[in-house]
PDB file of N, CA and C in Angstrom:
ATOM      1  N   MET A   1      44.476 -12.211 105.843  1.00  0.00           N
ATOM      2  CA  MET A   1      44.752 -11.307 104.766  1.00  0.00           C
ATOM      3  C   MET A   1      45.238 -12.124 103.567  1.00  0.00           C
ATOM      4  N   THR A   2      44.675 -11.847 102.424  1.00  0.00           N
ATOM      5  CA  THR A   2      45.063 -12.572 101.217  1.00  0.00           C
ATOM      6  C   THR A   2      46.395 -12.045 100.678  1.00  0.00           C
ATOM      7  N   ASP A   3      46.978 -12.796  99.767  1.00  0.00           N
ATOM      8  CA  ASP A   3      48.244 -12.372  99.163  1.00  0.00           C
ATOM      9  C   ASP A   3      48.116 -11.023  98.480  1.00  0.00           C
ATOM     10  N   ILE A   4      47.023 -10.813  97.763  1.00  0.00           N
ATOM     11  CA  ILE A   4      46.868  -9.546  97.043  1.00  0.00           C
ATOM     12  C   ILE A   4      46.641  -8.391  98.019  1.00  0.00           C
ATOM     13  N   GLU A   5      45.894  -8.630  99.110  1.00  0.00           N
ATOM     14  CA  GLU A   5      45.726  -7.582 100.119  1.00  0.00           C
ATOM     15  C   GLU A   5      47.074  -7.181 100.701  1.00  0.00           C
ATOM     16  N   LEU A   6      47.890  -8.173 100.995  1.00  0.00           N
ATOM     17  CA  LEU A   6      49.218  -7.915 101.543  1.00  0.00           C
ATOM     18  C   LEU A   6      50.070  -7.140 100.545  1.00  0.00           C
ATOM     19  N   THR A   7      50.002  -7.515  99.289  1.00  0.00           N
ATOM     20  CA  THR A   7      50.781  -6.843  98.254  1.00  0.00           C
ATOM     21  C   THR A   7      50.352  -5.394  98.095  1.00  0.00           C
ATOM     22  N   ILE A   8      49.062  -5.139  98.097  1.00  0.00           N
ATOM     23  CA  ILE A   8      48.551  -3.769  97.983  1.00  0.00           C
ATOM     24  C   ILE A   8      49.010  -2.947  99.183  1.00  0.00           C
ATOM     25  N   ASN A   9      48.949  -3.543 100.378  1.00  0.00           N
ATOM     26  CA  ASN A   9      49.399  -2.859 101.577  1.00  0.00           C
ATOM     27  C   ASN A   9      50.893  -2.531 101.499  1.00  0.00           C
ATOM     28  N   GLN A  10      51.684  -3.489 101.016  1.00  0.00           N
ATOM     29  CA  GLN A  10      53.120  -3.260 100.872  1.00  0.00           C
ATOM     30  C   GLN A  10      53.406  -2.167  99.847  1.00  0.00           C
ATOM     31  N   LEU A  11      52.627  -2.121  98.782  1.00  0.00           N
ATOM     32  CA  LEU A  11      52.779  -1.073  97.776  1.00  0.00           C
ATOM     33  C   LEU A  11      52.519   0.293  98.395  1.00  0.00           C
ATOM     34  N   ALA A  12      51.479   0.405  99.194  1.00  0.00           N
ATOM     35  CA  ALA A  12      51.170   1.676  99.855  1.00  0.00           C
ATOM     36  C   ALA A  12      52.313   2.093 100.772  1.00  0.00           C
ATOM     37  N   GLU A  13      52.827   1.137 101.544  1.00  0.00           N
ATOM     38  CA  GLU A  13      53.912   1.448 102.477  1.00  0.00           C
ATOM     39  C   GLU A  13      55.190   1.842 101.743  1.00  0.00           C
ATOM     40  N   LEU A  14      55.548   1.108 100.710  1.00  0.00           N
ATOM     41  CA  LEU A  14      56.765   1.400  99.962  1.00  0.00           C
ATOM     42  C   LEU A  14      56.662   2.747  99.245  1.00  0.00           C
ATOM     43  N   THR A  15      55.519   3.017  98.648  1.00  0.00           N
ATOM     44  CA  THR A  15      55.325   4.288  97.959  1.00  0.00           C
ATOM     45  C   THR A  15      55.424   5.444  98.939  1.00  0.00           C
ATOM     46  N   THR A  16      54.754   5.304 100.095  1.00  0.00           N
ATOM     47  CA  THR A  16      54.791   6.362 101.105  1.00  0.00           C
ATOM     48  C   THR A  16      56.207   6.568 101.622  1.00  0.00           C
ATOM     49  N   LYS A  17      56.915   5.487 101.888  1.00  0.00           N
ATOM     50  CA  LYS A  17      58.294   5.582 102.381  1.00  0.00           C
ATOM     51  C   LYS A  17      59.189   6.288 101.362  1.00  0.00           C
ATOM     52  N   THR A  18      59.067   5.899 100.105  1.00  0.00           N
ATOM     53  CA  THR A  18      59.894   6.488  99.056  1.00  0.00           C
ATOM     54  C   THR A  18      59.597   7.972  98.884  1.00  0.00           C
ATOM     55  N   LEU A  19      58.318   8.319  98.842  1.00  0.00           N
ATOM     56  CA  LEU A  19      57.937   9.725  98.727  1.00  0.00           C
ATOM     57  C   LEU A  19      58.455  10.530  99.920  1.00  0.00           C
ATOM     58  N   SER A  20      58.348   9.952 101.088  1.00  0.00           N
ATOM     59  CA  SER A  20      58.802  10.628 102.302  1.00  0.00           C
ATOM     60  C   SER A  20      60.314  10.851 102.273  1.00  0.00           C
ATOM     61  N   GLN A  21      61.057   9.865 101.812  1.00  0.00           N
ATOM     62  CA  GLN A  21      62.515  10.012 101.718  1.00  0.00           C
ATOM     63  C   GLN A  21      62.900  11.062 100.684  1.00  0.00           C
ATOM     64  N   GLN A  22      62.139  11.145  99.610  1.00  0.00           N
ATOM     65  CA  GLN A  22      62.440  12.110  98.556  1.00  0.00           C
ATOM     66  C   GLN A  22      62.069  13.537  98.965  1.00  0.00           C
ATOM     67  N   GLU A  23      60.916  13.681  99.609  1.00  0.00           N
ATOM     68  CA  GLU A  23      60.374  15.010  99.893  1.00  0.00           C
ATOM     69  C   GLU A  23      60.695  15.514 101.292  1.00  0.00           C
ATOM     70  N   LYS A  24      61.056  14.604 102.189  1.00  0.00           N
ATOM     71  CA  LYS A  24      61.426  14.949 103.561  1.00  0.00           C
ATOM     72  C   LYS A  24      60.426  15.914 104.224  1.00  0.00           C
ATOM     73  N   PRO A  25      59.203  15.446 104.445  1.00  0.00           N
ATOM     74  CA  PRO A  25      58.210  16.308 105.091  1.00  0.00           C
ATOM     75  C   PRO A  25      58.677  16.722 106.492  1.00  0.00           C
ATOM     76  N   GLN A  26      58.390  17.963 106.868  1.00  0.00           N
ATOM     77  CA  GLN A  26      58.861  18.506 108.133  1.00  0.00           C
ATOM     78  C   GLN A  26      57.791  18.527 109.220  1.00  0.00           C
ATOM     79  N   THR A  27      56.535  18.497 108.830  1.00  0.00           N
ATOM     80  CA  THR A  27      55.453  18.579 109.809  1.00  0.00           C
ATOM     81  C   THR A  27      54.540  17.370 109.681  1.00  0.00           C
ATOM     82  N   PHE A  28      53.705  17.198 110.696  1.00  0.00           N
ATOM     83  CA  PHE A  28      52.722  16.115 110.669  1.00  0.00           C
ATOM     84  C   PHE A  28      51.784  16.272 109.481  1.00  0.00           C
ATOM     85  N   ASP A  29      51.335  17.493 109.225  1.00  0.00           N
ATOM     86  CA  ASP A  29      50.415  17.724 108.106  1.00  0.00           C
ATOM     87  C   ASP A  29      51.070  17.390 106.763  1.00  0.00           C
ATOM     88  N   GLU A  30      52.347  17.732 106.608  1.00  0.00           N
ATOM     89  CA  GLU A  30      53.054  17.375 105.381  1.00  0.00           C
ATOM     90  C   GLU A  30      53.182  15.854 105.259  1.00  0.00           C
ATOM     91  N   SER A  31      53.427  15.187 106.374  1.00  0.00           N
ATOM     92  CA  SER A  31      53.525  13.723 106.369  1.00  0.00           C
ATOM     93  C   SER A  31      52.194  13.083 106.010  1.00  0.00           C
ATOM     94  N   LYS A  32      51.089  13.653 106.486  1.00  0.00           N
ATOM     95  CA  LYS A  32      49.764  13.127 106.140  1.00  0.00           C
ATOM     96  C   LYS A  32      49.518  13.222 104.640  1.00  0.00           C
ATOM     97  N   ILE A  33      49.937  14.309 104.040  1.00  0.00           N
ATOM     98  CA  ILE A  33      49.749  14.485 102.599  1.00  0.00           C
ATOM     99  C   ILE A  33      50.529  13.416 101.837  1.00  0.00           C
ATOM    100  N   VAL A  34      51.773  13.177 102.260  1.00  0.00           N
ATOM    101  CA  VAL A  34      52.591  12.142 101.618  1.00  0.00           C
ATOM    102  C   VAL A  34      51.938  10.773 101.792  1.00  0.00           C
ATOM    103  N   ALA A  35      51.457  10.477 102.991  1.00  0.00           N
ATOM    104  CA  ALA A  35      50.820   9.182 103.259  1.00  0.00           C
ATOM    105  C   ALA A  35      49.560   8.996 102.410  1.00  0.00           C
ATOM    106  N   ARG A  36      48.799  10.026 102.257  1.00  0.00           N
ATOM    107  CA  ARG A  36      47.591   9.933 101.425  1.00  0.00           C
ATOM    108  C   ARG A  36      47.948   9.668  99.969  1.00  0.00           C
ATOM    109  N   ARG A  37      49.023  10.304  99.496  1.00  0.00           N
ATOM    110  CA  ARG A  37      49.455  10.063  98.121  1.00  0.00           C
ATOM    111  C   ARG A  37      49.914   8.619  97.944  1.00  0.00           C
ATOM    112  N   GLY A  38      50.634   8.083  98.927  1.00  0.00           N
ATOM    113  CA  GLY A  38      51.052   6.682  98.869  1.00  0.00           C
ATOM    114  C   GLY A  38      49.863   5.746  98.855  1.00  0.00           C
ATOM    115  N   GLY A  39      48.867   6.059  99.667  1.00  0.00           N
ATOM    116  CA  GLY A  39      47.643   5.263  99.695  1.00  0.00           C
ATOM    117  C   GLY A  39      46.872   5.344  98.393  1.00  0.00           C
ATOM    118  N   LYS A  40      46.907   6.511  97.774  1.00  0.00           N
ATOM    119  CA  LYS A  40      46.195   6.689  96.508  1.00  0.00           C
ATOM    120  C   LYS A  40      46.811   5.820  95.406  1.00  0.00           C
ATOM    121  N   VAL A  41      48.142   5.738  95.395  1.00  0.00           N
ATOM    122  CA  VAL A  41      48.827   4.881  94.413  1.00  0.00           C
ATOM    123  C   VAL A  41      48.355   3.434  94.578  1.00  0.00           C
ATOM    124  N   ALA A  42      48.331   2.955  95.829  1.00  0.00           N
ATOM    125  CA  ALA A  42      47.905   1.579  96.098  1.00  0.00           C
ATOM    126  C   ALA A  42      46.430   1.385  95.759  1.00  0.00           C
ATOM    127  N   ASN A  43      45.610   2.368  96.060  1.00  0.00           N
ATOM    128  CA  ASN A  43      44.179   2.262  95.756  1.00  0.00           C
ATOM    129  C   ASN A  43      43.956   2.177  94.245  1.00  0.00           C
ATOM    130  N   ASN A  44      44.709   2.971  93.497  1.00  0.00           N
ATOM    131  CA  ASN A  44      44.595   2.900  92.033  1.00  0.00           C
ATOM    132  C   ASN A  44      45.014   1.524  91.523  1.00  0.00           C
ATOM    133  N   ALA A  45      46.078   0.976  92.108  1.00  0.00           N
ATOM    134  CA  ALA A  45      46.528  -0.368  91.707  1.00  0.00           C
ATOM    135  C   ALA A  45      45.464  -1.408  92.045  1.00  0.00           C
ATOM    136  N   LYS A  46      44.838  -1.272  93.206  1.00  0.00           N
ATOM    137  CA  LYS A  46      43.773  -2.198  93.612  1.00  0.00           C
ATOM    138  C   LYS A  46      42.616  -2.149  92.624  1.00  0.00           C
ATOM    139  N   LYS A  47      42.208  -0.952  92.253  1.00  0.00           N
ATOM    140  CA  LYS A  47      41.096  -0.795  91.312  1.00  0.00           C
ATOM    141  C   LYS A  47      41.436  -1.396  89.948  1.00  0.00           C
ATOM    142  N   GLU A  48      42.658  -1.180  89.488  1.00  0.00           N
ATOM    143  CA  GLU A  48      43.086  -1.747  88.208  1.00  0.00           C
ATOM    144  C   GLU A  48      43.120  -3.273  88.266  1.00  0.00           C
ATOM    145  N   PHE A  49      43.604  -3.829  89.377  1.00  0.00           N
ATOM    146  CA  PHE A  49      43.623  -5.283  89.559  1.00  0.00           C
ATOM    147  C   PHE A  49      42.202  -5.841  89.501  1.00  0.00           C
ATOM    148  N   GLU A  50      41.285  -5.207  90.260  1.00  0.00           N
ATOM    149  CA  GLU A  50      39.900  -5.685  90.286  1.00  0.00           C
ATOM    150  C   GLU A  50      39.249  -5.590  88.917  1.00  0.00           C
ATOM    151  N   LYS A  51      39.543  -4.507  88.203  1.00  0.00           N
ATOM    152  CA  LYS A  51      38.975  -4.325  86.865  1.00  0.00           C
ATOM    153  C   LYS A  51      39.516  -5.379  85.892  1.00  0.00           C
ATOM    154  N   ALA A  52      40.815  -5.618  85.966  1.00  0.00           N
ATOM    155  CA  ALA A  52      41.442  -6.559  85.037  1.00  0.00           C
ATOM    156  C   ALA A  52      41.065  -8.010  85.306  1.00  0.00           C
ATOM    157  N   THR A  53      40.902  -8.356  86.581  1.00  0.00           N
ATOM    158  CA  THR A  53      40.657  -9.754  86.930  1.00  0.00           C
ATOM    159  C   THR A  53      39.202 -10.070  87.243  1.00  0.00           C
ATOM    160  N   GLY A  54      38.415  -9.052  87.511  1.00  0.00           N
ATOM    161  CA  GLY A  54      37.035  -9.280  87.927  1.00  0.00           C
ATOM    162  C   GLY A  54      36.945  -9.862  89.323  1.00  0.00           C
ATOM    163  N   THR A  55      38.022  -9.745  90.090  1.00  0.00           N
ATOM    164  CA  THR A  55      38.110 -10.291  91.444  1.00  0.00           C
ATOM    165  C   THR A  55      38.235  -9.162  92.447  1.00  0.00           C
ATOM    166  N   LYS A  56      37.462  -9.252  93.531  1.00  0.00           N
ATOM    167  CA  LYS A  56      37.562  -8.258  94.601  1.00  0.00           C
ATOM    168  C   LYS A  56      38.795  -8.531  95.457  1.00  0.00           C
ATOM    169  N   VAL A  57      39.519  -7.487  95.816  1.00  0.00           N
ATOM    170  CA  VAL A  57      40.701  -7.628  96.667  1.00  0.00           C
ATOM    171  C   VAL A  57      40.297  -7.885  98.107  1.00  0.00           C
ATOM    172  N   ILE A  58      39.320  -7.149  98.582  1.00  0.00           N
ATOM    173  CA  ILE A  58      38.859  -7.302  99.957  1.00  0.00           C
ATOM    174  C   ILE A  58      37.735  -8.339  99.967  1.00  0.00           C
ATOM    175  N   PRO A  59      37.902  -9.424 100.743  1.00  0.00           N
ATOM    176  CA  PRO A  59      36.875 -10.470 100.763  1.00  0.00           C
ATOM    177  C   PRO A  59      35.614 -10.020 101.505  1.00  0.00           C
ATOM    178  N   ASN A  60      34.571 -10.827 101.403  1.00  0.00           N
ATOM    179  CA  ASN A  60      33.318 -10.503 102.074  1.00  0.00           C
ATOM    180  C   ASN A  60      33.457 -10.496 103.592  1.00  0.00           C
ATOM    181  N   ALA A  61      34.365 -11.286 104.140  1.00  0.00           N
ATOM    182  CA  ALA A  61      34.571 -11.340 105.589  1.00  0.00           C
ATOM    183  C   ALA A  61      35.439 -10.149 105.993  1.00  0.00           C
ATOM    184  N   ASN A  62      34.781  -9.044 106.308  1.00  0.00           N
ATOM    185  CA  ASN A  62      35.526  -7.866 106.734  1.00  0.00           C
ATOM    186  C   ASN A  62      34.933  -7.333 108.028  1.00  0.00           C
ATOM    187  N   ALA A  63      35.468  -6.273 108.518  1.00  0.00           N
ATOM    188  CA  ALA A  63      35.081  -5.751 109.832  1.00  0.00           C
ATOM    189  C   ALA A  63      33.629  -5.281 109.893  1.00  0.00           C
ATOM    190  N   THR A  64      32.979  -5.094 108.767  1.00  0.00           N
ATOM    191  CA  THR A  64      31.596  -4.655 108.800  1.00  0.00           C
ATOM    192  C   THR A  64      30.628  -5.826 108.973  1.00  0.00           C
ATOM    193  N   ASN A  65      31.130  -7.056 108.890  1.00  0.00           N
ATOM    194  CA  ASN A  65      30.273  -8.217 109.046  1.00  0.00           C
ATOM    195  C   ASN A  65      30.837  -9.100 110.163  1.00  0.00           C
ATOM    196  N   LYS A  66      30.456  -8.783 111.402  1.00  0.00           N
ATOM    197  CA  LYS A  66      31.006  -9.458 112.572  1.00  0.00           C
ATOM    198  C   LYS A  66      30.725 -10.960 112.562  1.00  0.00           C
ATOM    199  N   ILE A  67      29.606 -11.373 112.040  1.00  0.00           N
ATOM    200  CA  ILE A  67      29.261 -12.795 112.012  1.00  0.00           C
ATOM    201  C   ILE A  67      30.296 -13.582 111.204  1.00  0.00           C
ATOM    202  N   LEU A  68      30.713 -13.042 110.051  1.00  0.00           N
ATOM    203  CA  LEU A  68      31.710 -13.725 109.225  1.00  0.00           C
ATOM    204  C   LEU A  68      33.083 -13.742 109.894  1.00  0.00           C
ATOM    205  N   LEU A  69      33.344 -12.768 110.765  1.00  0.00           N
ATOM    206  CA  LEU A  69      34.640 -12.674 111.417  1.00  0.00           C
ATOM    207  C   LEU A  69      34.730 -13.529 112.672  1.00  0.00           C
ATOM    208  N   ASP A  70      33.593 -13.970 113.188  1.00  0.00           N
ATOM    209  CA  ASP A  70      33.574 -14.739 114.443  1.00  0.00           C
ATOM    210  C   ASP A  70      34.255 -16.085 114.239  1.00  0.00           C
ATOM    211  N   THR A  71      35.415 -16.256 114.875  1.00  0.00           N
ATOM    212  CA  THR A  71      36.179 -17.492 114.726  1.00  0.00           C
ATOM    213  C   THR A  71      35.912 -18.473 115.853  1.00  0.00           C
ATOM    214  N   ASN A  72      35.037 -18.114 116.801  1.00  0.00           N
ATOM    215  CA  ASN A  72      34.719 -18.986 117.937  1.00  0.00           C
ATOM    216  C   ASN A  72      33.645 -20.013 117.611  1.00  0.00           C
ATOM    217  N   SER A  73      33.059 -19.926 116.441  1.00  0.00           N
ATOM    218  CA  SER A  73      31.962 -20.837 116.094  1.00  0.00           C
ATOM    219  C   SER A  73      32.468 -22.153 115.591  1.00  0.00           C
TER     220      SER A  73
END
């Protein structure tokens, strides 16, 4: 995981945690809504980063390309 991937992930987690502490969801469905909002904040930040830098956050070696992920070669 790259530094920026880690940072985006941390942003999603921190946003979700903060929203959850503020809103205190009582049910699983309410918690899912809060989690999606936290993820949306991070996704927007990722898109802005990619737009500003012209750099993709997620590298080409991802779970959809098993050959690139094979570390036994």
